[in-house]
Protein backbone atom coordinates (compact mmCIF):
# COMPACT_ATOMS: atom_id res chain seq x y z
CA UNK A 1 -0.09 -0.22 -0.16
CA UNK A 2 1.31 3.60 -0.94
CA UNK A 3 0.91 6.26 1.95
CA UNK A 4 1.47 9.45 2.21
CA UNK A 5 3.53 10.50 -0.85
CA UNK A 6 4.00 14.36 -0.77
CA UNK A 7 6.00 16.44 -3.03
CA UNK A 8 6.83 19.78 -1.53
CA UNK A 9 5.16 22.65 -3.89
CA UNK A 10 8.79 23.90 -5.24
CA UNK A 11 9.53 20.36 -6.42
CA UNK A 12 6.11 19.72 -8.40
CA UNK A 13 6.44 18.98 -11.97
CA UNK A 14 9.81 17.95 -12.09
CA UNK A 15 9.39 14.22 -12.60
CA UNK A 16 9.94 13.33 -8.97
CA UNK A 17 6.70 11.71 -8.45
CA UNK A 18 6.98 9.96 -11.66
CA UNK A 19 10.18 8.38 -10.90
CA UNK A 20 8.67 7.39 -7.46
CA UNK A 21 5.85 5.74 -8.66
CA UNK A 22 8.11 4.36 -11.90
CA UNK A 23 10.25 2.63 -9.02
CA UNK A 24 7.58 1.25 -6.93
CA UNK A 25 5.75 -0.13 -9.66
CA UNK A 26 9.08 -2.07 -10.56
CA UNK A 27 9.13 -3.42 -7.50
CA UNK A 28 5.77 -4.56 -7.19
CA UNK A 29 5.71 -6.37 -10.53
CA UNK A 30 8.98 -8.19 -9.50
CA UNK A 31 7.47 -9.20 -6.39
CA UNK A 32 4.02 -9.94 -8.15
CA UNK A 33 2.38 -7.63 -5.70
CA UNK A 34 -0.77 -5.38 -6.18
CA UNK A 35 -0.26 -1.79 -5.22
CA UNK A 36 -3.35 0.23 -3.78
CA UNK A 37 -3.79 3.38 -2.78
CA UNK A 38 -6.41 6.11 -1.08
CA UNK A 39 -6.59 9.58 -3.10
CA UNK A 40 -8.74 12.38 -2.57
CA UNK A 41 -11.03 13.21 -5.24
CA UNK A 42 -9.73 16.60 -5.68
CA UNK A 43 -5.91 15.70 -6.00
CA UNK A 44 -4.15 16.41 -8.89
CA UNK A 45 -2.04 12.93 -8.24
CA UNK A 46 -5.37 11.42 -9.37
CA UNK A 47 -4.40 11.90 -12.96
CA UNK A 48 -0.85 10.57 -12.39
CA UNK A 49 -1.92 7.33 -10.96
CA UNK A 50 -4.67 6.48 -13.63
CA UNK A 51 -1.75 7.35 -16.26
CA UNK A 52 0.43 4.56 -14.53
CA UNK A 53 -2.58 1.96 -14.57
CA UNK A 54 -4.09 2.53 -11.15
CA UNK A 55 -7.68 1.55 -11.19
CA UNK A 56 -10.72 3.03 -8.98
CA UNK A 57 -12.20 0.33 -7.28
CA UNK A 58 -14.26 2.34 -4.32
CA UNK A 59 -15.15 5.51 -3.97
CA UNK A 60 -15.86 6.29 -0.13
CA UNK A 61 -17.19 10.06 -1.13
CA UNK A 62 -14.12 11.87 -0.42
CA UNK A 63 -11.48 9.74 -1.46
CA UNK A 64 -11.01 7.09 -4.03
CA UNK A 65 -9.50 3.31 -3.50
CA UNK A 66 -7.23 2.60 -6.20
CA UNK A 67 -5.18 -0.77 -7.46
CA UNK A 68 -2.84 -1.25 -9.91
CA UNK A 69 -1.98 -5.13 -10.36
CA UNK A 70 1.28 -6.33 -11.40
CA UNK A 71 2.34 -6.80 -14.73
CA UNK A 72 3.00 -10.15 -15.84
CA UNK A 73 7.10 -11.15 -16.41
CA UNK A 74 6.47 -13.56 -18.98
């Protein structure tokens, strides 16, 4: 589970979040693990998560619960 990934405002839009997410996805794929997270409806990172294949599995009203299945290594 991804918890509390934050980028300070002065470092946003510099590819840092993308690099972190790519590394976590690579590690999860290698281990065959699902990645999941909660993200607020209004959080701009929602688009980033969608771009990397996270799918909404639940809407709590204030947050989306999202998951990304591991990719096959075959």
